[in-house]
Amino acid sequence: MDKGLMARRTAVALAFVIGALAAAAPACGAPMVYTANFVTNVKIGDDKYQNATVTIVFKGDTNDIADVAVGGTLLASQECTANGGVGYFKYLSKGVVRISVKSAGRTVTATLLPNQVFVALDSCNGGIGFGSYVTGNPEPAYPVGFTLGTAMAGAINNDLTFPANVSGVAYSCIGYPPEAVGAAPGNNGVCTPPDAYPLFSNVGNVYIYQPYTVQPFVSNHSGSLNRGTFAIAPGTETDD
């Protein structure tokens, strides 16, 4: 994909990504591991896993964290600036991503093919998570994103470069934000089912569902009944 086009698409989507964490990046990069834990329904290849414990691990480097910009100008949140505040957006797309699924005494681990998933945050709108390009455009809350709780309030002084351990409401939502906000038109108050949008891995296509929800959504921070955790810790791509 053209880098300029990808940057513009990412900017639009991340303007409303459920992410929160803000601070200046250190001058020197460092290997970092980003980990999400939550429970949901998953399909890998032809196998379905109900109420599975899902762990997503993204191993990258803080040198590759980028500000989201349009035409060379850093993107500010419309919501923040309209209220006199300051918000910005960062993402990390270079790294190794593994998804581990545990259900009924069985564990399956899938290593995703490159360039599908990114780590993203929005310092204004409140959350952090893993986004993807499954629809061809950036999907900021799929395979999972977190908002509310400490994901929104407790991680405000981070920017993907410092250790953290937060929790919040978990979304696995293609079509986020479901409700219109700013320039984002919304998705008629619902999340799009993932069946037509696989994540490709070494053990088959991966689909992550959101069964614990009340739809249509009444806001972009409510509707999901799921919870989970997100951690940032030093590490390397060669760690097991």
C-alpha atoms as a PDB file:
ATOM      1  CA  MET A   1       0.000   0.000   0.000  1.00  0.00           C
ATOM      2  CA  ASP A   2       1.259   3.510  -0.789  1.00  0.00           C
ATOM      3  CA  LYS A   3       2.803   4.920   2.396  1.00  0.00           C
ATOM      4  CA  GLY A   4       1.160   8.299   1.981  1.00  0.00           C
ATOM      5  CA  LEU A   5      -2.258   6.742   1.453  1.00  0.00           C
ATOM      6  CA  MET A   6      -1.777   4.439   4.437  1.00  0.00           C
ATOM      7  CA  ALA A   7      -0.768   7.381   6.632  1.00  0.00           C
ATOM      8  CA  ARG A   8      -3.864   9.355   5.620  1.00  0.00           C
ATOM      9  CA  ARG A   9      -6.167   6.380   6.200  1.00  0.00           C
ATOM     10  CA  THR A  10      -4.549   5.694   9.546  1.00  0.00           C
ATOM     11  CA  ALA A  11      -4.927   9.317  10.540  1.00  0.00           C
ATOM     12  CA  VAL A  12      -8.658   9.336   9.866  1.00  0.00           C
ATOM     13  CA  ALA A  13      -9.287   6.104  11.728  1.00  0.00           C
ATOM     14  CA  LEU A  14      -7.046   6.879  14.672  1.00  0.00           C
ATOM     15  CA  ALA A  15      -8.710  10.230  15.141  1.00  0.00           C
ATOM     16  CA  PHE A  16     -11.407   8.242  16.888  1.00  0.00           C
ATOM     17  CA  VAL A  17      -9.477   5.182  18.017  1.00  0.00           C
ATOM     18  CA  ILE A  18     -10.203   4.108  21.540  1.00  0.00           C
ATOM     19  CA  GLY A  19      -6.770   4.790  22.848  1.00  0.00           C
ATOM     20  CA  ALA A  20      -5.349   6.921  25.608  1.00  0.00           C
ATOM     21  CA  LEU A  21      -1.736   7.477  26.559  1.00  0.00           C
ATOM     22  CA  ALA A  22       0.288  10.639  26.044  1.00  0.00           C
ATOM     23  CA  ALA A  23       3.882  11.738  26.629  1.00  0.00           C
ATOM     24  CA  ALA A  24       7.030  12.631  24.726  1.00  0.00           C
ATOM     25  CA  ALA A  25       8.892   9.666  23.249  1.00  0.00           C
ATOM     26  CA  PRO A  26      12.432   9.108  24.490  1.00  0.00           C
ATOM     27  CA  ALA A  27      15.303   9.903  22.155  1.00  0.00           C
ATOM     28  CA  CYS A  28      16.535   6.308  22.017  1.00  0.00           C
ATOM     29  CA  GLY A  29      14.338   3.404  21.011  1.00  0.00           C
ATOM     30  CA  ALA A  30      13.972   0.192  22.979  1.00  0.00           C
ATOM     31  CA  PRO A  31      12.444  -3.233  22.362  1.00  0.00           C
ATOM     32  CA  MET A  32       8.929  -3.350  23.844  1.00  0.00           C
ATOM     33  CA  VAL A  33       6.228  -5.976  24.249  1.00  0.00           C
ATOM     34  CA  TYR A  34       2.521  -5.047  24.134  1.00  0.00           C
ATOM     35  CA  THR A  35       0.110  -7.638  25.525  1.00  0.00           C
ATOM     36  CA  ALA A  36      -3.694  -7.818  25.649  1.00  0.00           C
ATOM     37  CA  ASN A  37      -5.652 -10.397  27.641  1.00  0.00           C
ATOM     38  CA  PHE A  38      -9.395 -10.909  27.378  1.00  0.00           C
ATOM     39  CA  VAL A  39     -12.088 -13.592  26.988  1.00  0.00           C
ATOM     40  CA  THR A  40     -14.191 -13.991  23.863  1.00  0.00           C
ATOM     41  CA  ASN A  41     -15.213 -16.329  21.029  1.00  0.00           C
ATOM     42  CA  VAL A  42     -12.568 -17.098  18.405  1.00  0.00           C
ATOM     43  CA  LYS A  43     -12.291 -19.108  15.214  1.00  0.00           C
ATOM     44  CA  ILE A  44      -8.955 -20.364  13.872  1.00  0.00           C
ATOM     45  CA  GLY A  45      -9.147 -22.226  10.593  1.00  0.00           C
ATOM     46  CA  ASP A  46     -12.245 -24.422  10.943  1.00  0.00           C
ATOM     47  CA  ASP A  47     -12.057 -24.695  14.745  1.00  0.00           C
ATOM     48  CA  LYS A  48     -14.270 -22.589  17.015  1.00  0.00           C
ATOM     49  CA  TYR A  49     -13.416 -21.694  20.607  1.00  0.00           C
ATOM     50  CA  GLN A  50     -16.178 -20.476  22.918  1.00  0.00           C
ATOM     51  CA  ASN A  51     -15.413 -18.276  25.930  1.00  0.00           C
ATOM     52  CA  ALA A  52     -11.713 -18.633  25.185  1.00  0.00           C
ATOM     53  CA  THR A  53      -8.906 -16.861  26.996  1.00  0.00           C
ATOM     54  CA  VAL A  54      -7.190 -14.805  24.318  1.00  0.00           C
ATOM     55  CA  THR A  55      -3.716 -13.313  24.596  1.00  0.00           C
ATOM     56  CA  ILE A  56      -2.334 -11.051  21.871  1.00  0.00           C
ATOM     57  CA  VAL A  57       1.381 -10.251  22.034  1.00  0.00           C
ATOM     58  CA  PHE A  58       2.999  -7.625  19.805  1.00  0.00           C
ATOM     59  CA  LYS A  59       6.798  -7.378  19.961  1.00  0.00           C
ATOM     60  CA  GLY A  60       8.267  -4.249  18.450  1.00  0.00           C
ATOM     61  CA  ASP A  61      10.598  -1.335  19.066  1.00  0.00           C
ATOM     62  CA  THR A  62       9.812   2.178  20.279  1.00  0.00           C
ATOM     63  CA  ASN A  63      11.986   3.551  17.454  1.00  0.00           C
ATOM     64  CA  ASP A  64       9.160   2.580  15.096  1.00  0.00           C
ATOM     65  CA  ILE A  65       6.384   4.413  16.933  1.00  0.00           C
ATOM     66  CA  ALA A  66       5.038   7.146  14.679  1.00  0.00           C
ATOM     67  CA  ASP A  67       2.906  10.227  15.099  1.00  0.00           C
ATOM     68  CA  VAL A  68      -0.165  10.235  12.901  1.00  0.00           C
ATOM     69  CA  ALA A  69       0.117  13.145  10.492  1.00  0.00           C
ATOM     70  CA  VAL A  70      -1.733  14.447   7.450  1.00  0.00           C
ATOM     71  CA  GLY A  71       0.317  16.357   4.890  1.00  0.00           C
ATOM     72  CA  GLY A  72       3.182  16.651   7.370  1.00  0.00           C
ATOM     73  CA  THR A  73       0.970  18.202  10.063  1.00  0.00           C
ATOM     74  CA  LEU A  74       0.403  16.309  13.303  1.00  0.00           C
ATOM     75  CA  LEU A  75      -3.221  15.341  13.649  1.00  0.00           C
ATOM     76  CA  ALA A  76      -5.082  16.738  16.644  1.00  0.00           C
ATOM     77  CA  SER A  77      -8.335  15.327  17.942  1.00  0.00           C
ATOM     78  CA  GLN A  78     -11.373  17.312  16.839  1.00  0.00           C
ATOM     79  CA  GLU A  79     -13.059  16.538  20.141  1.00  0.00           C
ATOM     80  CA  CYS A  80     -10.077  17.740  22.170  1.00  0.00           C
ATOM     81  CA  THR A  81      -9.456  20.925  20.239  1.00  0.00           C
ATOM     82  CA  ALA A  82     -13.157  21.786  20.213  1.00  0.00           C
ATOM     83  CA  ASN A  83     -13.086  21.695  24.015  1.00  0.00           C
ATOM     84  CA  GLY A  84      -9.843  23.604  24.347  1.00  0.00           C
ATOM     85  CA  GLY A  85      -7.754  20.521  25.088  1.00  0.00           C
ATOM     86  CA  VAL A  86      -4.855  18.819  23.349  1.00  0.00           C
ATOM     87  CA  GLY A  87      -4.855  15.332  21.903  1.00  0.00           C
ATOM     88  CA  TYR A  88      -2.567  13.400  19.597  1.00  0.00           C
ATOM     89  CA  PHE A  89      -2.275   9.972  18.050  1.00  0.00           C
ATOM     90  CA  LYS A  90       0.516   7.438  17.795  1.00  0.00           C
ATOM     91  CA  TYR A  91       0.789   4.001  16.257  1.00  0.00           C
ATOM     92  CA  LEU A  92       3.263   1.144  15.884  1.00  0.00           C
ATOM     93  CA  SER A  93       2.850  -1.185  12.921  1.00  0.00           C
ATOM     94  CA  LYS A  94       6.260  -2.892  12.689  1.00  0.00           C
ATOM     95  CA  GLY A  95       6.560  -5.990  14.850  1.00  0.00           C
ATOM     96  CA  VAL A  96       5.856  -9.675  15.413  1.00  0.00           C
ATOM     97  CA  VAL A  97       2.309 -10.558  16.485  1.00  0.00           C
ATOM     98  CA  ARG A  98       1.134 -13.794  18.084  1.00  0.00           C
ATOM     99  CA  ILE A  99      -2.357 -14.739  19.229  1.00  0.00           C
ATOM    100  CA  SER A 100      -2.746 -17.470  21.843  1.00  0.00           C
ATOM    101  CA  VAL A 101      -6.168 -19.042  22.449  1.00  0.00           C
ATOM    102  CA  LYS A 102      -6.947 -21.280  25.443  1.00  0.00           C
ATOM    103  CA  SER A 103     -10.232 -23.168  25.631  1.00  0.00           C
ATOM    104  CA  ALA A 104     -11.381 -26.497  27.133  1.00  0.00           C
ATOM    105  CA  GLY A 105      -7.851 -27.509  28.059  1.00  0.00           C
ATOM    106  CA  ARG A 106      -6.439 -26.786  24.615  1.00  0.00           C
ATOM    107  CA  THR A 107      -4.037 -24.020  23.612  1.00  0.00           C
ATOM    108  CA  VAL A 108      -3.472 -22.856  20.037  1.00  0.00           C
ATOM    109  CA  THR A 109      -0.933 -20.185  19.101  1.00  0.00           C
ATOM    110  CA  ALA A 110      -1.061 -18.367  15.784  1.00  0.00           C
ATOM    111  CA  THR A 111       1.725 -16.154  14.425  1.00  0.00           C
ATOM    112  CA  LEU A 112       0.186 -13.502  12.206  1.00  0.00           C
ATOM    113  CA  LEU A 113       1.644 -12.697   8.808  1.00  0.00           C
ATOM    114  CA  PRO A 114       3.299  -9.244   8.762  1.00  0.00           C
ATOM    115  CA  ASN A 115       1.656  -5.860   8.219  1.00  0.00           C
ATOM    116  CA  GLN A 116      -1.829  -6.704   9.498  1.00  0.00           C
ATOM    117  CA  VAL A 117      -1.972  -5.419  13.077  1.00  0.00           C
ATOM    118  CA  PHE A 118      -0.761  -2.223  14.735  1.00  0.00           C
ATOM    119  CA  VAL A 119      -0.610  -0.851  18.280  1.00  0.00           C
ATOM    120  CA  ALA A 120      -2.432   2.470  18.562  1.00  0.00           C
ATOM    121  CA  LEU A 121      -3.370   5.113  21.101  1.00  0.00           C
ATOM    122  CA  ASP A 122      -5.430   8.283  21.197  1.00  0.00           C
ATOM    123  CA  SER A 123      -4.411  10.598  24.025  1.00  0.00           C
ATOM    124  CA  CYS A 124      -7.733  12.452  23.952  1.00  0.00           C
ATOM    125  CA  ASN A 125     -10.582  10.032  23.357  1.00  0.00           C
ATOM    126  CA  GLY A 126      -9.407   7.594  25.977  1.00  0.00           C
ATOM    127  CA  GLY A 127      -7.991   4.127  25.426  1.00  0.00           C
ATOM    128  CA  ILE A 128      -5.394   1.878  23.859  1.00  0.00           C
ATOM    129  CA  GLY A 129      -5.451  -1.250  21.752  1.00  0.00           C
ATOM    130  CA  PHE A 130      -4.573  -3.290  18.722  1.00  0.00           C
ATOM    131  CA  GLY A 131      -5.904  -2.182  15.360  1.00  0.00           C
ATOM    132  CA  SER A 132      -5.693  -3.871  11.974  1.00  0.00           C
ATOM    133  CA  TYR A 133      -6.120  -3.417   8.224  1.00  0.00           C
ATOM    134  CA  VAL A 134      -8.562  -6.310   7.707  1.00  0.00           C
ATOM    135  CA  THR A 135     -11.029  -4.194   5.718  1.00  0.00           C
ATOM    136  CA  GLY A 136      -8.352  -2.403   3.709  1.00  0.00           C
ATOM    137  CA  ASN A 137      -8.709   0.656   5.958  1.00  0.00           C
ATOM    138  CA  PRO A 138      -7.391   1.017   9.517  1.00  0.00           C
ATOM    139  CA  GLU A 139      -9.737  -0.612  12.041  1.00  0.00           C
ATOM    140  CA  PRO A 140      -8.669   0.912  15.381  1.00  0.00           C
ATOM    141  CA  ALA A 141     -10.610  -1.488  17.658  1.00  0.00           C
ATOM    142  CA  TYR A 142     -10.048  -4.838  15.954  1.00  0.00           C
ATOM    143  CA  PRO A 143      -8.751  -7.324  17.022  1.00  0.00           C
ATOM    144  CA  VAL A 144      -9.155  -5.558  20.378  1.00  0.00           C
ATOM    145  CA  GLY A 145      -9.155  -2.094  21.892  1.00  0.00           C
ATOM    146  CA  PHE A 146      -9.700  -0.846  25.447  1.00  0.00           C
ATOM    147  CA  THR A 147     -11.373   2.222  26.905  1.00  0.00           C
ATOM    148  CA  LEU A 148     -12.697   3.445  30.274  1.00  0.00           C
ATOM    149  CA  GLY A 149     -11.132   2.205  33.505  1.00  0.00           C
ATOM    150  CA  THR A 150      -7.396   2.716  33.839  1.00  0.00           C
ATOM    151  CA  ALA A 151      -7.061   2.246  30.074  1.00  0.00           C
ATOM    152  CA  MET A 152      -8.550   5.723  29.831  1.00  0.00           C
ATOM    153  CA  ALA A 153      -7.684   7.443  33.090  1.00  0.00           C
ATOM    154  CA  GLY A 154      -4.593   5.703  34.435  1.00  0.00           C
ATOM    155  CA  ALA A 155      -2.444   5.562  31.306  1.00  0.00           C
ATOM    156  CA  ILE A 156      -2.731   9.189  30.281  1.00  0.00           C
ATOM    157  CA  ASN A 157       0.984   9.840  30.898  1.00  0.00           C
ATOM    158  CA  ASN A 158       2.247   7.114  28.594  1.00  0.00           C
ATOM    159  CA  ASP A 159       2.862   7.109  24.843  1.00  0.00           C
ATOM    160  CA  LEU A 160       3.624   3.424  24.138  1.00  0.00           C
ATOM    161  CA  THR A 161       7.213   3.884  25.318  1.00  0.00           C
ATOM    162  CA  PHE A 162       6.939   3.215  29.076  1.00  0.00           C
ATOM    163  CA  PRO A 163       5.885   0.138  31.075  1.00  0.00           C
ATOM    164  CA  ALA A 164       2.204   0.051  31.995  1.00  0.00           C
ATOM    165  CA  ASN A 165      -0.520  -2.340  33.092  1.00  0.00           C
ATOM    166  CA  VAL A 166      -4.070  -1.108  32.610  1.00  0.00           C
ATOM    167  CA  SER A 167      -7.585  -2.511  32.297  1.00  0.00           C
ATOM    168  CA  GLY A 168     -10.835  -1.434  30.756  1.00  0.00           C
ATOM    169  CA  VAL A 169     -13.799  -2.226  28.544  1.00  0.00           C
ATOM    170  CA  ALA A 170     -12.748  -4.437  25.628  1.00  0.00           C
ATOM    171  CA  TYR A 171     -14.000  -3.987  22.070  1.00  0.00           C
ATOM    172  CA  SER A 172     -13.389  -6.355  19.162  1.00  0.00           C
ATOM    173  CA  CYS A 173     -15.231  -4.096  16.769  1.00  0.00           C
ATOM    174  CA  ILE A 174     -14.892  -3.798  13.018  1.00  0.00           C
ATOM    175  CA  GLY A 175     -16.475  -0.495  12.075  1.00  0.00           C
ATOM    176  CA  TYR A 176     -15.407   1.500  15.123  1.00  0.00           C
ATOM    177  CA  PRO A 177     -16.639   4.072  15.996  1.00  0.00           C
ATOM    178  CA  PRO A 178     -20.177   2.641  15.786  1.00  0.00           C
ATOM    179  CA  GLU A 179     -21.703   6.089  16.423  1.00  0.00           C
ATOM    180  CA  ALA A 180     -20.832   9.165  14.374  1.00  0.00           C
ATOM    181  CA  VAL A 181     -18.279  11.520  15.914  1.00  0.00           C
ATOM    182  CA  GLY A 182     -16.491  14.412  14.253  1.00  0.00           C
ATOM    183  CA  ALA A 183     -15.646  13.472  10.670  1.00  0.00           C
ATOM    184  CA  ALA A 184     -16.213   9.754  11.309  1.00  0.00           C
ATOM    185  CA  PRO A 185     -19.694   8.773  10.036  1.00  0.00           C
ATOM    186  CA  GLY A 186     -20.183   5.834  12.405  1.00  0.00           C
ATOM    187  CA  ASN A 187     -21.394   2.338  11.552  1.00  0.00           C
ATOM    188  CA  ASN A 188     -25.142   2.556  12.226  1.00  0.00           C
ATOM    189  CA  GLY A 189     -24.553   1.812  15.890  1.00  0.00           C
ATOM    190  CA  VAL A 190     -23.177  -1.697  15.369  1.00  0.00           C
ATOM    191  CA  CYS A 191     -19.953  -3.642  14.838  1.00  0.00           C
ATOM    192  CA  THR A 192     -19.491  -5.517  11.564  1.00  0.00           C
ATOM    193  CA  PRO A 193     -19.106  -9.316  11.979  1.00  0.00           C
ATOM    194  CA  PRO A 194     -15.524 -10.455  11.259  1.00  0.00           C
ATOM    195  CA  ASP A 195     -16.414 -13.504   9.119  1.00  0.00           C
ATOM    196  CA  ALA A 196     -15.463 -11.804   5.843  1.00  0.00           C
ATOM    197  CA  TYR A 197     -12.332 -10.200   7.309  1.00  0.00           C
ATOM    198  CA  PRO A 198      -9.752 -12.778   8.410  1.00  0.00           C
ATOM    199  CA  LEU A 199      -6.408 -12.195  10.030  1.00  0.00           C
ATOM    200  CA  PHE A 200      -3.933 -14.464   8.229  1.00  0.00           C
ATOM    201  CA  SER A 201      -1.652 -16.676  10.309  1.00  0.00           C
ATOM    202  CA  ASN A 202       0.637 -19.692  10.065  1.00  0.00           C
ATOM    203  CA  VAL A 203      -2.119 -21.999  11.371  1.00  0.00           C
ATOM    204  CA  GLY A 204      -5.090 -20.670   9.394  1.00  0.00           C
ATOM    205  CA  ASN A 205      -7.363 -17.662   9.269  1.00  0.00           C
ATOM    206  CA  VAL A 206      -8.168 -16.035  12.611  1.00  0.00           C
ATOM    207  CA  TYR A 207     -11.515 -14.418  13.483  1.00  0.00           C
ATOM    208  CA  ILE A 208     -12.222 -12.672  16.788  1.00  0.00           C
ATOM    209  CA  TYR A 209     -15.845 -12.075  17.771  1.00  0.00           C
ATOM    210  CA  GLN A 210     -17.585  -9.790  20.240  1.00  0.00           C
ATOM    211  CA  PRO A 211     -20.435 -11.830  21.760  1.00  0.00           C
ATOM    212  CA  TYR A 212     -20.682  -9.856  25.006  1.00  0.00           C
ATOM    213  CA  THR A 213     -22.335  -6.691  23.860  1.00  0.00           C
ATOM    214  CA  VAL A 214     -25.541  -4.688  23.689  1.00  0.00           C
ATOM    215  CA  GLN A 215     -26.188  -3.346  20.190  1.00  0.00           C
ATOM    216  CA  PRO A 216     -27.010  -0.876  18.809  1.00  0.00           C
ATOM    217  CA  PHE A 217     -24.478   1.125  20.791  1.00  0.00           C
ATOM    218  CA  VAL A 218     -25.731   4.216  22.598  1.00  0.00           C
ATOM    219  CA  SER A 219     -22.245   5.757  22.554  1.00  0.00           C
ATOM    220  CA  ASN A 220     -18.712   4.937  21.457  1.00  0.00           C
ATOM    221  CA  HIS A 221     -17.692   4.145  25.041  1.00  0.00           C
ATOM    222  CA  SER A 222     -20.605   1.881  25.960  1.00  0.00           C
ATOM    223  CA  GLY A 223     -22.224  -1.241  24.583  1.00  0.00           C
ATOM    224  CA  SER A 224     -19.444  -3.745  25.137  1.00  0.00           C
ATOM    225  CA  LEU A 225     -19.913  -5.942  28.208  1.00  0.00           C
ATOM    226  CA  ASN A 226     -16.413  -7.380  27.928  1.00  0.00           C
ATOM    227  CA  ARG A 227     -13.342  -6.474  29.976  1.00  0.00           C
ATOM    228  CA  GLY A 228      -9.631  -7.085  29.653  1.00  0.00           C
ATOM    229  CA  THR A 229      -6.102  -5.911  30.377  1.00  0.00           C
ATOM    230  CA  PHE A 230      -3.341  -4.301  28.358  1.00  0.00           C
ATOM    231  CA  ALA A 231       0.331  -4.264  29.356  1.00  0.00           C
ATOM    232  CA  ILE A 232       3.502  -2.623  28.065  1.00  0.00           C
ATOM    233  CA  ALA A 233       6.812  -4.153  29.148  1.00  0.00           C
ATOM    234  CA  PRO A 234      10.448  -4.125  27.972  1.00  0.00           C
ATOM    235  CA  GLY A 235      11.323  -7.100  25.816  1.00  0.00           C
ATOM    236  CA  THR A 236      12.723  -8.264  22.490  1.00  0.00           C
ATOM    237  CA  GLU A 237      11.382  -9.917  19.375  1.00  0.00           C
ATOM    238  CA  THR A 238      13.457 -12.996  20.180  1.00  0.00           C
ATOM    239  CA  ASP A 239      11.868 -13.517  23.604  1.00  0.00           C
ATOM    240  CA  ASP A 240       9.643 -16.609  23.961  1.00  0.00           C
END
